[in-house]
Amino acid sequence: MSRTARPRRLGAAALIGATALVATPAVVQAAPVNQPGWSSSSQTLNGGINLGYETAIDPVNHRLYATDAQPTTATKTPVKADDGTVTGYVTAVTIPSTGKVVAFDTNTNALLRNWSFTGLLGSDGVAGGGYTFGTPNPTTGIATGTNRGTANVPYGVAVDHGVADPTIVTVQTRTSSVAIFPQSQTSPKDTDILTAAANGFFRARTPVVDSTHHKAYFVNYNATTGTIAQLDLATKTVERTIAVPGAVGLALDEANSILYAGTFGAAAGNVLYVIDLTTGTITDTIPGIGNNARPGFDPVGKKVYTANSGDRTISVVDVDPASPTYHQVVKTIAATGSPNAIAVDADRRLVYSADLGSHLVSVIDADTDEWVLGVPTLGNALDVDVDPATGVAYVSNQYSGSTTGQSVISAISVARAADLPQGPVGPAGPAGPAGKDGAAGVNGASGTTTLAISLAKFKVSGRTATVTAPAAGKLTAVAKSGKTTVATGTVTAKKAGSYKISLKASKAGKKLLAKKAVKATITVSFVPKSEPDAAVQRTAKATLAQSK
């Protein structure tokens, strides 16, 4: 699971279109319903995965990684003497392990290769052994079991794409070991494994990677004595452990070295921990999060979303230091099934939740934090990641009992509804002049011009706003913060098309922008040249960058 988020293609002077967060009670919405105008398409990727778990995206090298945690299944058959006495047992493999990491090309969705874990020694020091058998059949005496508890097969996965030869990091949850190896390697080696016995790991899960500093973080889960481990990937050593009771899921704000940890279990208190990675200390504990919370970070909207499988909800947390609701839960969204993982497409303003048990992925509009679409999957939707370049969401479908690669990956593309409705009808035209003989004049033409300002491509670079005009006329933009007018600008459109409006800060606006970035409401109005009495306007929430 790769839960690292960094701002993309948005400079410090950018005007970021995002709905302002309002201090409202965290009330759960009604059951989600698909909203009109939204649609999706899916492609199935088959990597021969039998027990699919987590995924990770390498945005630099355009790779998707997915894990297969299938252990070996075997039978234990008694060997009997002529008198029926059991003299021994014969163990036979019935379903071989397919433990591996699989890679796909996110440009083409083609299968590239895999790294097999089947040759590794288990936690008991034996390759392919360590079976735990169930109760024998009362008639035949044959028992069936697996080596799930000892086999080093991967569950969680993350990747360091900040090095020439990307480093793959996996967590083997059942054995609480960690594998660290370069992607150029044929398969992981026993020397690539950091064992639980040597490092004190326990119930290890949900790795994330900081590709700037080449560190990996993962959870050692326990409701009261849990920790988060920090690994140096170059030396494959544990640098520190941070006491975080009940931590179960992680999200990384790599640009600001902040780690968010969701929790599981009543003893942990259903909170979101905020951890400063420069010091390794917890700086805040945010209450009101749902149970069994797996977080995802939105670097554009400055929010954290948590998939709360225990509550069947998604919590929205404001993490913008300039906001009055900073470090508060501002909304709780009803979901389908049990949300198990979150992925944020910050550029396209979409949030994806893998809803375990419902064979569905929930899609949320990140600007409004409203549930807009449910996309069916081909198995239990266990994990989800988004390719920031293409906007495709990749979902790990877990298929219980698969032996023929039925745990496939769903590649989902979502189409956003039209951003804006049709413009209002213009006013009626004036009555025509009276005739020469005093008769009533012919009625003037009805003012029914249909107008709509498109903000689909609305953006600001420096102090220049880009807006699409529907026809020839005048465009005006006014930016306000509360009751204060921060900046204004106008431009004359000669015909339909895209135009740039130069925004000039007011006297009050200059004072505000000299201190900090300002959250503002941008109102764009348009008056058509052909019908001066008609007008239409649209608004968008945004942030004006601080003056240099």
Protein backbone atom coordinates (compact mmCIF):
# COMPACT_ATOMS: atom_id res chain seq x y z
CA MET A 1 0.00 0.00 0.00
CA SER A 2 1.58 3.23 -1.11
CA ARG A 3 0.06 6.14 0.78
CA THR A 4 2.61 8.83 -0.02
CA ALA A 5 1.26 12.08 -1.41
CA ARG A 6 3.14 15.03 -2.83
CA PRO A 7 1.77 18.15 -4.59
CA ARG A 8 2.04 17.81 -8.38
CA ARG A 9 2.32 20.54 -10.99
CA LEU A 10 1.02 23.22 -8.62
CA GLY A 11 3.46 26.00 -7.79
CA ALA A 12 3.39 28.17 -4.69
CA ALA A 13 1.65 30.95 -6.58
CA ALA A 14 -1.13 28.75 -7.87
CA LEU A 15 -4.77 29.41 -7.12
CA ILE A 16 -6.03 26.05 -5.95
CA GLY A 17 -9.71 25.40 -6.65
CA ALA A 18 -11.10 23.64 -3.58
CA THR A 19 -14.29 23.86 -1.60
CA ALA A 20 -13.69 25.63 1.71
CA LEU A 21 -14.09 23.43 4.77
CA VAL A 22 -16.81 24.56 7.14
CA ALA A 23 -16.97 23.81 10.85
CA THR A 24 -19.99 21.50 10.88
CA PRO A 25 -20.92 18.52 13.04
CA ALA A 26 -19.49 15.26 11.72
CA VAL A 27 -22.90 13.83 10.83
CA VAL A 28 -23.13 10.73 8.66
CA GLN A 29 -24.94 11.28 5.36
CA ALA A 30 -27.78 9.17 4.09
CA ALA A 31 -27.01 5.96 2.20
CA PRO A 32 -24.95 6.83 -0.90
CA VAL A 33 -26.69 7.07 -4.26
CA ASN A 34 -25.04 7.42 -7.68
CA GLN A 35 -25.21 11.02 -8.84
CA PRO A 36 -26.41 11.92 -12.37
CA GLY A 37 -23.79 12.61 -15.01
CA TRP A 38 -20.98 10.52 -13.49
CA SER A 39 -19.72 7.43 -15.28
CA SER A 40 -16.89 4.91 -15.17
CA SER A 41 -15.14 2.31 -17.28
CA SER A 42 -13.01 -0.63 -16.13
CA GLN A 43 -10.29 -2.89 -17.48
CA THR A 44 -9.30 -6.19 -15.87
CA LEU A 45 -5.59 -6.88 -15.35
CA ASN A 46 -4.60 -10.49 -14.71
CA GLY A 47 -1.23 -11.07 -13.09
CA GLY A 48 -1.76 -14.66 -11.95
CA ILE A 49 -2.52 -13.45 -8.41
CA ASN A 50 -4.40 -15.89 -6.17
CA LEU A 51 -4.57 -14.07 -2.84
CA GLY A 52 -4.39 -10.39 -3.67
CA TYR A 53 -3.64 -7.87 -0.95
CA GLU A 54 -2.05 -4.46 -1.42
CA THR A 55 -0.88 -2.25 -4.29
CA ALA A 56 1.61 0.58 -4.81
CA ILE A 57 2.22 3.12 -7.59
CA ASP A 58 5.62 4.26 -8.88
CA PRO A 59 4.64 7.57 -10.57
CA VAL A 60 8.14 8.22 -11.92
CA ASN A 61 8.68 4.92 -13.73
CA HIS A 62 4.97 4.33 -14.46
CA ARG A 63 4.62 1.06 -12.60
CA LEU A 64 1.90 -0.59 -10.55
CA TYR A 65 2.98 -3.17 -7.97
CA ALA A 66 0.58 -5.73 -6.45
CA THR A 67 1.10 -8.54 -3.95
CA ASP A 68 0.03 -12.19 -3.91
CA ALA A 69 0.06 -13.67 -0.39
CA GLN A 70 -1.04 -17.20 -1.32
CA PRO A 71 0.67 -19.72 1.05
CA THR A 72 1.13 -23.44 0.42
CA THR A 73 -1.73 -25.82 1.20
CA ALA A 74 -0.88 -29.40 2.11
CA THR A 75 -2.39 -32.57 3.52
CA LYS A 76 -1.07 -34.79 6.28
CA THR A 77 -1.99 -38.43 5.75
CA PRO A 78 -1.40 -41.04 8.45
CA VAL A 79 0.70 -44.11 7.64
CA LYS A 80 -0.66 -47.20 9.37
CA ALA A 81 0.73 -50.62 10.18
CA ASP A 82 -1.19 -53.78 9.41
CA ASP A 83 -2.84 -53.62 12.81
CA GLY A 84 -4.05 -50.07 12.20
CA THR A 85 -1.48 -48.40 14.41
CA VAL A 86 -0.33 -44.98 13.09
CA THR A 87 3.41 -45.20 12.50
CA GLY A 88 3.92 -41.81 10.85
CA TYR A 89 2.54 -39.24 8.47
CA VAL A 90 3.08 -38.26 4.85
CA THR A 91 2.82 -34.58 3.98
CA ALA A 92 1.87 -33.72 0.40
CA VAL A 93 1.43 -30.31 -1.22
CA THR A 94 -1.99 -29.90 -2.80
CA ILE A 95 -1.88 -26.19 -3.69
CA PRO A 96 1.59 -24.67 -4.07
CA SER A 97 2.33 -21.15 -2.88
CA THR A 98 2.20 -18.35 -5.45
CA GLY A 99 3.62 -15.69 -3.11
CA LYS A 100 5.00 -12.85 -5.25
CA VAL A 101 5.01 -9.18 -6.23
CA VAL A 102 3.65 -8.41 -9.71
CA ALA A 103 4.38 -5.30 -11.82
CA PHE A 104 2.25 -3.69 -14.54
CA ASP A 105 3.05 -0.81 -16.91
CA THR A 106 0.57 1.99 -16.04
CA ASN A 107 0.91 3.53 -19.51
CA THR A 108 -0.39 0.39 -21.23
CA ASN A 109 -1.65 -1.76 -18.29
CA ALA A 110 0.50 -4.58 -19.67
CA LEU A 111 1.91 -7.21 -17.30
CA LEU A 112 5.68 -6.70 -16.99
CA ARG A 113 7.10 -9.28 -14.59
CA ASN A 114 6.95 -10.73 -11.07
CA TRP A 115 9.29 -11.38 -8.15
CA SER A 116 8.68 -14.80 -6.57
CA PHE A 117 8.91 -15.24 -2.78
CA THR A 118 8.43 -19.02 -2.87
CA GLY A 119 12.13 -19.82 -2.52
CA LEU A 120 12.60 -17.91 0.74
CA LEU A 121 13.12 -19.58 4.07
CA GLY A 122 10.16 -19.32 6.39
CA SER A 123 10.21 -17.79 9.83
CA ASP A 124 11.00 -21.29 11.12
CA GLY A 125 14.13 -21.44 8.96
CA VAL A 126 12.60 -23.95 6.55
CA ALA A 127 11.65 -23.35 2.92
CA GLY A 128 8.10 -24.55 2.26
CA GLY A 129 7.52 -26.08 5.66
CA GLY A 130 5.92 -24.93 8.89
CA TYR A 131 2.38 -26.20 8.26
CA THR A 132 -0.44 -25.77 10.72
CA PHE A 133 -2.96 -28.55 10.20
CA GLY A 134 -6.60 -28.63 11.14
CA THR A 135 -8.60 -31.43 12.74
CA PRO A 136 -8.14 -34.71 10.82
CA ASN A 137 -11.06 -36.19 8.92
CA PRO A 138 -12.65 -38.71 11.33
CA THR A 139 -12.92 -41.32 8.58
CA THR A 140 -9.67 -41.00 6.66
CA GLY A 141 -7.52 -39.38 9.32
CA ILE A 142 -6.25 -36.88 6.70
CA ALA A 143 -5.73 -33.29 7.90
CA THR A 144 -5.44 -30.19 5.71
CA GLY A 145 -3.39 -27.11 6.55
CA THR A 146 -1.23 -24.26 5.28
CA ASN A 147 2.10 -22.67 6.10
CA ARG A 148 0.45 -19.23 6.33
CA GLY A 149 1.98 -18.64 9.76
CA THR A 150 5.59 -19.28 8.70
CA ALA A 151 5.82 -18.54 4.97
CA ASN A 152 7.42 -15.24 3.96
CA VAL A 153 4.78 -14.20 1.42
CA PRO A 154 4.10 -10.48 0.82
CA TYR A 155 1.01 -8.64 2.03
CA GLY A 156 1.85 -4.90 2.01
CA VAL A 157 4.01 -3.22 -0.63
CA ALA A 158 5.58 0.21 -1.22
CA VAL A 159 8.31 1.50 -3.53
CA ASP A 160 11.12 4.05 -3.30
CA HIS A 161 11.10 5.68 -6.75
CA GLY A 162 13.66 8.30 -5.76
CA VAL A 163 16.65 6.12 -6.66
CA ALA A 164 17.91 4.98 -10.07
CA ASP A 165 17.02 1.37 -9.34
CA PRO A 166 13.69 1.62 -7.47
CA THR A 167 13.59 -0.21 -4.15
CA ILE A 168 10.67 -2.54 -3.44
CA VAL A 169 9.58 -2.81 0.19
CA THR A 170 7.17 -5.53 1.30
CA VAL A 171 5.72 -6.53 4.65
CA GLN A 172 5.03 -10.19 5.36
CA THR A 173 2.24 -9.70 7.90
CA ARG A 174 1.93 -13.31 9.08
CA THR A 175 5.63 -13.59 9.87
CA SER A 176 6.07 -9.88 10.71
CA SER A 177 9.13 -9.63 8.47
CA VAL A 178 10.13 -6.97 5.95
CA ALA A 179 11.77 -7.49 2.55
CA ILE A 180 13.87 -4.74 0.93
CA PHE A 181 15.31 -5.36 -2.54
CA PRO A 182 15.99 -3.53 -5.84
CA GLN A 183 13.49 -4.00 -8.66
CA SER A 184 16.33 -5.08 -10.99
CA GLN A 185 16.83 -8.20 -8.86
CA THR A 186 15.32 -11.46 -10.10
CA SER A 187 13.66 -12.23 -6.76
CA PRO A 188 14.19 -11.37 -3.08
CA LYS A 189 16.92 -13.23 -1.22
CA ASP A 190 17.00 -14.47 2.36
CA THR A 191 19.55 -11.72 3.07
CA ASP A 192 16.95 -9.12 1.98
CA ILE A 193 14.64 -10.14 4.85
CA LEU A 194 14.53 -8.24 8.14
CA THR A 195 13.09 -10.81 10.54
CA ALA A 196 10.73 -10.30 13.46
CA ALA A 197 13.04 -12.18 15.79
CA ALA A 198 16.05 -9.96 15.07
CA ASN A 199 14.17 -6.64 15.01
CA GLY A 200 11.25 -6.99 17.38
CA PHE A 201 8.57 -6.63 14.70
CA PHE A 202 5.04 -7.86 15.47
CA ARG A 203 1.88 -7.98 13.34
CA ALA A 204 3.64 -5.79 10.74
CA ARG A 205 1.49 -4.12 8.07
CA THR A 206 0.75 -1.11 5.77
CA PRO A 207 4.17 0.16 4.62
CA VAL A 208 4.69 3.64 3.14
CA VAL A 209 7.88 5.06 1.64
CA ASP A 210 9.42 8.54 1.68
CA SER A 211 11.20 8.66 -1.70
CA THR A 212 12.87 11.97 -0.85
CA HIS A 213 14.70 10.73 2.23
CA HIS A 214 14.63 7.01 1.31
CA LYS A 215 12.88 5.87 4.46
CA ALA A 216 10.12 3.31 4.94
CA TYR A 217 7.51 3.28 7.70
CA PHE A 218 5.19 0.47 8.76
CA VAL A 219 2.94 -0.46 11.64
CA ASN A 220 3.61 -3.04 14.37
CA TYR A 221 0.01 -3.45 15.45
CA ASN A 222 -1.12 -3.76 19.05
CA ALA A 223 -4.08 -1.92 20.58
CA THR A 224 -2.09 -0.76 23.60
CA THR A 225 1.61 -1.25 22.84
CA GLY A 226 1.70 -0.73 19.08
CA THR A 227 4.56 1.07 17.35
CA ILE A 228 5.58 2.50 13.98
CA ALA A 229 9.01 1.46 12.70
CA GLN A 230 11.24 3.73 10.63
CA LEU A 231 13.68 1.98 8.28
CA ASP A 232 16.66 3.38 6.40
CA LEU A 233 16.41 1.73 2.99
CA ALA A 234 20.05 2.19 1.99
CA THR A 235 21.36 0.33 5.03
CA LYS A 236 18.30 -1.87 5.66
CA THR A 237 18.30 -0.96 9.33
CA VAL A 238 15.70 0.13 11.87
CA GLU A 239 16.43 3.76 12.78
CA ARG A 240 13.68 4.30 15.34
CA THR A 241 10.36 3.04 16.61
CA ILE A 242 7.58 5.41 17.66
CA ALA A 243 5.03 4.30 20.27
CA VAL A 244 1.59 4.65 18.63
CA PRO A 245 -1.02 2.47 20.37
CA GLY A 246 -3.50 0.86 18.00
CA ALA A 247 -1.96 2.28 14.80
CA VAL A 248 -3.24 0.23 11.83
CA GLY A 249 -2.95 2.43 8.69
CA LEU A 250 -0.56 5.16 7.51
CA ALA A 251 -0.57 8.14 5.13
CA LEU A 252 2.48 10.28 4.41
CA ASP A 253 2.72 14.00 3.69
CA GLU A 254 6.18 13.70 2.19
CA ALA A 255 6.66 17.41 1.44
CA ASN A 256 6.18 18.36 5.10
CA SER A 257 7.56 15.19 6.77
CA ILE A 258 4.27 14.44 8.51
CA LEU A 259 2.89 10.94 9.03
CA TYR A 260 -0.80 10.31 9.79
CA ALA A 261 -1.77 7.09 11.59
CA GLY A 262 -5.30 5.73 11.86
CA THR A 263 -6.19 3.36 14.68
CA PHE A 264 -8.11 0.15 15.37
CA GLY A 265 -9.73 -0.98 18.60
CA ALA A 266 -11.55 0.71 21.46
CA ALA A 267 -8.37 0.83 23.53
CA ALA A 268 -6.74 3.05 20.91
CA GLY A 269 -9.60 5.57 21.16
CA ASN A 270 -10.52 5.90 17.46
CA VAL A 271 -8.14 8.80 16.85
CA LEU A 272 -5.85 10.02 14.06
CA TYR A 273 -2.26 10.49 15.19
CA VAL A 274 -0.16 13.29 13.68
CA ILE A 275 3.57 12.51 13.77
CA ASP A 276 6.46 14.88 13.03
CA LEU A 277 9.01 12.70 11.25
CA THR A 278 11.85 15.16 11.78
CA THR A 279 11.68 14.47 15.52
CA GLY A 280 9.76 11.18 15.60
CA THR A 281 7.19 12.60 18.02
CA ILE A 282 3.39 12.71 18.10
CA THR A 283 2.36 16.36 17.77
CA ASP A 284 -1.41 15.94 17.89
CA THR A 285 -4.15 13.38 18.40
CA ILE A 286 -7.38 14.08 16.50
CA PRO A 287 -10.53 12.52 17.99
CA GLY A 288 -13.77 11.59 16.25
CA ILE A 289 -12.28 9.23 13.64
CA GLY A 290 -14.12 6.02 12.79
CA ASN A 291 -12.88 2.62 13.92
CA ASN A 292 -10.21 0.65 11.99
CA ALA A 293 -9.13 3.76 10.09
CA ARG A 294 -6.88 3.62 7.00
CA PRO A 295 -5.92 7.19 5.99
CA GLY A 296 -5.13 8.89 2.67
CA PHE A 297 -3.66 12.40 2.28
CA ASP A 298 -4.89 15.13 -0.09
CA PRO A 299 -2.02 17.64 -0.61
CA VAL A 300 -4.16 20.05 -2.67
CA GLY A 301 -7.26 20.24 -0.49
CA LYS A 302 -5.09 19.81 2.64
CA LYS A 303 -7.32 17.08 4.03
CA VAL A 304 -6.95 13.54 5.30
CA TYR A 305 -9.60 10.96 4.45
CA THR A 306 -9.86 7.82 6.59
CA ALA A 307 -11.55 4.60 5.45
CA ASN A 308 -13.23 3.35 8.62
CA SER A 309 -14.06 -0.31 8.02
CA GLY A 310 -15.34 -0.78 11.56
CA ASP A 311 -17.95 1.98 11.16
CA ARG A 312 -18.63 1.71 7.41
CA THR A 313 -17.84 5.41 7.08
CA ILE A 314 -15.22 7.78 5.68
CA SER A 315 -13.97 10.62 7.90
CA VAL A 316 -12.77 13.93 6.44
CA VAL A 317 -10.14 15.78 8.50
CA ASP A 318 -8.97 19.35 7.90
CA VAL A 319 -5.14 19.49 8.05
CA ASP A 320 -4.72 23.04 6.69
CA PRO A 321 -2.81 25.06 9.34
CA ALA A 322 -4.46 28.28 8.08
CA SER A 323 -7.99 26.92 8.54
CA PRO A 324 -10.22 27.65 11.56
CA THR A 325 -11.13 23.94 11.63
CA TYR A 326 -7.51 22.76 11.59
CA HIS A 327 -7.13 19.20 12.91
CA GLN A 328 -10.87 18.67 13.19
CA VAL A 329 -13.20 16.11 11.63
CA VAL A 330 -15.34 18.25 9.32
CA LYS A 331 -17.47 15.55 7.73
CA THR A 332 -18.37 11.88 7.99
CA ILE A 333 -19.45 10.20 4.74
CA ALA A 334 -21.56 7.06 4.58
CA ALA A 335 -20.02 4.30 2.48
CA THR A 336 -20.95 0.92 1.07
CA GLY A 337 -19.50 -2.23 2.59
CA SER A 338 -16.49 -1.75 4.87
CA PRO A 339 -14.05 0.90 3.57
CA ASN A 340 -10.61 -0.67 3.80
CA ALA A 341 -8.30 1.72 1.90
CA ILE A 342 -8.23 5.29 0.55
CA ALA A 343 -6.52 6.73 -2.53
CA VAL A 344 -6.61 10.43 -3.42
CA ASP A 345 -6.31 11.84 -6.95
CA ALA A 346 -5.41 15.35 -5.82
CA ASP A 347 -5.17 16.89 -9.30
CA ARG A 348 -8.55 15.62 -10.50
CA ARG A 349 -10.18 16.14 -7.10
CA LEU A 350 -11.38 12.57 -6.65
CA VAL A 351 -11.14 10.20 -3.68
CA TYR A 352 -11.45 6.42 -4.04
CA SER A 353 -12.42 4.05 -1.22
CA ALA A 354 -11.98 0.28 -1.59
CA ASP A 355 -15.08 -1.06 0.16
CA LEU A 356 -14.26 -4.56 1.37
CA GLY A 357 -17.16 -6.99 1.25
CA SER A 358 -19.33 -5.00 -1.16
CA HIS A 359 -17.40 -5.65 -4.40
CA LEU A 360 -17.48 -1.89 -4.92
CA VAL A 361 -15.24 1.17 -5.00
CA SER A 362 -16.75 4.41 -3.72
CA VAL A 363 -15.88 7.63 -5.58
CA ILE A 364 -16.04 10.94 -3.70
CA ASP A 365 -15.83 14.46 -5.12
CA ALA A 366 -12.92 15.98 -3.16
CA ASP A 367 -14.19 19.54 -3.70
CA THR A 368 -17.59 18.87 -2.12
CA ASP A 369 -16.77 15.72 -0.13
CA GLU A 370 -19.93 14.11 -1.51
CA TRP A 371 -20.27 10.45 -2.53
CA VAL A 372 -20.92 10.52 -6.29
CA LEU A 373 -20.44 7.04 -7.71
CA GLY A 374 -20.06 3.35 -6.87
CA VAL A 375 -17.96 1.31 -9.29
CA PRO A 376 -18.42 -2.51 -9.22
CA THR A 377 -15.32 -4.72 -8.93
CA LEU A 378 -14.70 -8.42 -9.56
CA GLY A 379 -13.89 -9.43 -5.98
CA ASN A 380 -13.54 -8.04 -2.49
CA ALA A 381 -12.10 -4.55 -3.06
CA LEU A 382 -9.22 -4.70 -0.57
CA ASP A 383 -6.84 -1.92 -1.66
CA VAL A 384 -6.73 0.96 -4.15
CA ASP A 385 -4.06 3.27 -5.60
CA VAL A 386 -4.22 6.03 -8.24
CA ASP A 387 -1.74 6.79 -11.01
CA PRO A 388 -1.37 10.60 -10.82
CA ALA A 389 -0.39 10.82 -14.50
CA THR A 390 -3.45 9.10 -15.97
CA GLY A 391 -5.98 9.29 -13.14
CA VAL A 392 -6.63 5.55 -13.39
CA ALA A 393 -7.50 3.88 -10.06
CA TYR A 394 -6.15 0.36 -9.57
CA VAL A 395 -8.09 -1.94 -7.22
CA SER A 396 -6.84 -5.18 -5.68
CA ASN A 397 -9.67 -7.73 -5.81
CA GLN A 398 -9.28 -10.50 -3.26
CA TYR A 399 -10.86 -13.76 -4.38
CA SER A 400 -10.98 -16.40 -1.66
CA GLY A 401 -9.93 -19.90 -2.71
CA SER A 402 -8.41 -18.88 -6.04
CA THR A 403 -5.90 -21.24 -7.65
CA THR A 404 -6.02 -19.85 -11.21
CA GLY A 405 -5.24 -16.16 -10.78
CA GLN A 406 -8.76 -14.95 -9.96
CA SER A 407 -7.55 -12.14 -7.69
CA VAL A 408 -7.39 -9.68 -10.57
CA ILE A 409 -6.71 -5.94 -10.65
CA SER A 410 -9.49 -3.57 -11.76
CA ALA A 411 -8.23 -0.49 -13.64
CA ILE A 412 -10.99 2.13 -13.22
CA SER A 413 -11.42 5.42 -15.08
CA VAL A 414 -14.05 7.89 -13.85
CA ALA A 415 -15.63 10.64 -15.96
CA ARG A 416 -16.71 13.73 -14.05
CA ALA A 417 -20.15 15.23 -14.65
CA ALA A 418 -20.45 18.59 -16.46
CA ASP A 419 -19.01 21.14 -14.06
CA LEU A 420 -21.67 23.75 -14.59
CA PRO A 421 -25.37 23.80 -15.50
CA GLN A 422 -26.79 25.72 -18.45
CA GLY A 423 -26.94 29.49 -17.90
CA PRO A 424 -30.19 31.31 -17.04
CA VAL A 425 -32.67 32.56 -19.63
CA GLY A 426 -32.21 36.22 -20.49
CA PRO A 427 -34.93 38.85 -19.82
CA ALA A 428 -37.76 39.47 -22.32
CA GLY A 429 -37.09 42.04 -25.05
CA PRO A 430 -38.86 45.47 -25.04
CA ALA A 431 -42.10 46.08 -26.91
CA GLY A 432 -41.78 47.37 -30.49
CA PRO A 433 -42.56 51.05 -31.38
CA ALA A 434 -46.08 52.18 -32.26
CA GLY A 435 -47.06 52.23 -35.97
CA LYS A 436 -47.76 55.46 -37.97
CA ASP A 437 -51.49 55.12 -37.48
CA GLY A 438 -51.08 54.59 -33.76
CA ALA A 439 -51.46 50.84 -33.93
CA ALA A 440 -49.52 48.76 -31.46
CA GLY A 441 -46.00 48.02 -32.53
CA VAL A 442 -44.66 44.56 -33.20
CA ASN A 443 -43.31 42.89 -30.07
CA GLY A 444 -39.53 42.84 -29.80
CA ALA A 445 -37.57 39.59 -29.91
CA SER A 446 -37.55 37.54 -26.73
CA GLY A 447 -34.24 37.77 -24.80
CA THR A 448 -33.61 34.04 -24.53
CA THR A 449 -29.88 33.91 -25.02
CA THR A 450 -28.51 30.80 -23.21
CA LEU A 451 -25.35 31.63 -21.32
CA ALA A 452 -22.91 29.57 -19.29
CA ILE A 453 -19.48 30.44 -18.00
CA SER A 454 -17.21 27.40 -17.99
CA LEU A 455 -14.90 27.03 -14.98
CA ALA A 456 -13.78 23.58 -16.11
CA LYS A 457 -10.39 25.04 -17.07
CA PHE A 458 -10.47 27.93 -14.59
CA LYS A 459 -7.01 28.60 -13.21
CA VAL A 460 -4.77 31.41 -12.00
CA SER A 461 -1.07 31.87 -12.65
CA GLY A 462 0.35 34.66 -10.54
CA ARG A 463 -2.42 37.28 -10.73
CA THR A 464 -3.91 36.19 -14.05
CA ALA A 465 -7.16 34.18 -14.12
CA THR A 466 -8.17 32.08 -17.14
CA VAL A 467 -11.92 31.86 -17.87
CA THR A 468 -13.96 30.65 -20.85
CA ALA A 469 -16.53 33.13 -22.24
CA PRO A 470 -19.63 31.77 -24.05
CA ALA A 471 -19.80 34.68 -26.54
CA ALA A 472 -18.59 38.23 -27.14
CA GLY A 473 -19.00 40.39 -24.03
CA LYS A 474 -17.41 41.50 -20.78
CA LEU A 475 -15.88 39.20 -18.14
CA THR A 476 -15.38 40.40 -14.55
CA ALA A 477 -13.68 38.54 -11.69
CA VAL A 478 -13.97 39.54 -8.01
CA ALA A 479 -12.07 37.73 -5.25
CA LYS A 480 -13.45 38.15 -1.71
CA SER A 481 -12.39 36.87 1.69
CA GLY A 482 -15.41 37.21 3.93
CA LYS A 483 -16.69 40.74 3.26
CA THR A 484 -13.31 42.03 2.11
CA THR A 485 -12.65 42.45 -1.61
CA VAL A 486 -9.14 41.14 -2.14
CA ALA A 487 -8.69 41.61 -5.92
CA THR A 488 -10.68 42.44 -9.07
CA GLY A 489 -10.20 42.40 -12.84
CA THR A 490 -12.06 42.71 -16.15
CA VAL A 491 -11.51 41.78 -19.78
CA THR A 492 -13.50 42.23 -23.00
CA ALA A 493 -14.18 39.04 -24.95
CA LYS A 494 -14.37 39.60 -28.70
CA LYS A 495 -15.86 36.18 -29.28
CA ALA A 496 -16.45 32.87 -27.51
CA GLY A 497 -13.26 31.36 -26.14
CA SER A 498 -10.71 31.37 -23.34
CA TYR A 499 -9.58 34.73 -21.89
CA LYS A 500 -7.15 35.88 -19.23
CA ILE A 501 -8.25 38.35 -16.55
CA SER A 502 -5.53 40.35 -14.83
CA LEU A 503 -6.40 40.52 -11.11
CA LYS A 504 -5.41 43.70 -9.27
CA ALA A 505 -5.25 43.56 -5.49
CA SER A 506 -7.29 46.13 -3.57
CA LYS A 507 -5.73 48.21 -0.80
CA ALA A 508 -7.15 45.85 1.81
CA GLY A 509 -6.16 42.87 -0.32
CA LYS A 510 -2.54 44.00 -0.49
CA LYS A 511 -2.38 44.08 3.31
CA LEU A 512 -3.83 40.59 3.61
CA LEU A 513 -1.66 39.05 0.89
CA ALA A 514 1.47 40.61 2.33
CA LYS A 515 1.02 38.45 5.45
CA LYS A 516 -0.15 35.07 4.15
CA ALA A 517 -2.10 33.19 1.52
CA VAL A 518 -5.79 34.11 1.61
CA LYS A 519 -8.76 31.78 1.13
CA ALA A 520 -11.21 33.55 -1.15
CA THR A 521 -14.41 33.15 -3.10
CA ILE A 522 -13.90 34.03 -6.78
CA THR A 523 -17.05 35.33 -8.52
CA VAL A 524 -16.82 35.46 -12.32
CA SER A 525 -19.62 37.33 -14.15
CA PHE A 526 -20.30 37.73 -17.86
CA VAL A 527 -22.41 40.34 -19.72
CA PRO A 528 -22.98 39.53 -23.41
CA LYS A 529 -22.35 42.25 -25.99
CA SER A 530 -25.51 41.30 -27.92
CA GLU A 531 -27.75 41.56 -24.86
CA PRO A 532 -26.39 44.04 -22.25
CA ASP A 533 -29.34 43.47 -19.91
CA ALA A 534 -28.48 39.79 -19.54
CA ALA A 535 -25.83 38.45 -17.19
CA VAL A 536 -24.61 35.21 -15.68
CA GLN A 537 -22.11 34.44 -12.95
CA ARG A 538 -20.37 31.50 -11.27
CA THR A 539 -18.29 31.17 -8.10
CA ALA A 540 -15.42 28.97 -7.00
CA LYS A 541 -13.57 28.54 -3.70
CA ALA A 542 -9.84 29.14 -4.00
CA THR A 543 -6.68 30.31 -2.25
CA LEU A 544 -4.75 33.40 -3.34
CA ALA A 545 -1.02 32.98 -2.86
CA GLN A 546 0.91 35.26 -0.56
CA SER A 547 2.57 38.25 -2.22
CA LYS A 548 6.30 37.91 -2.77
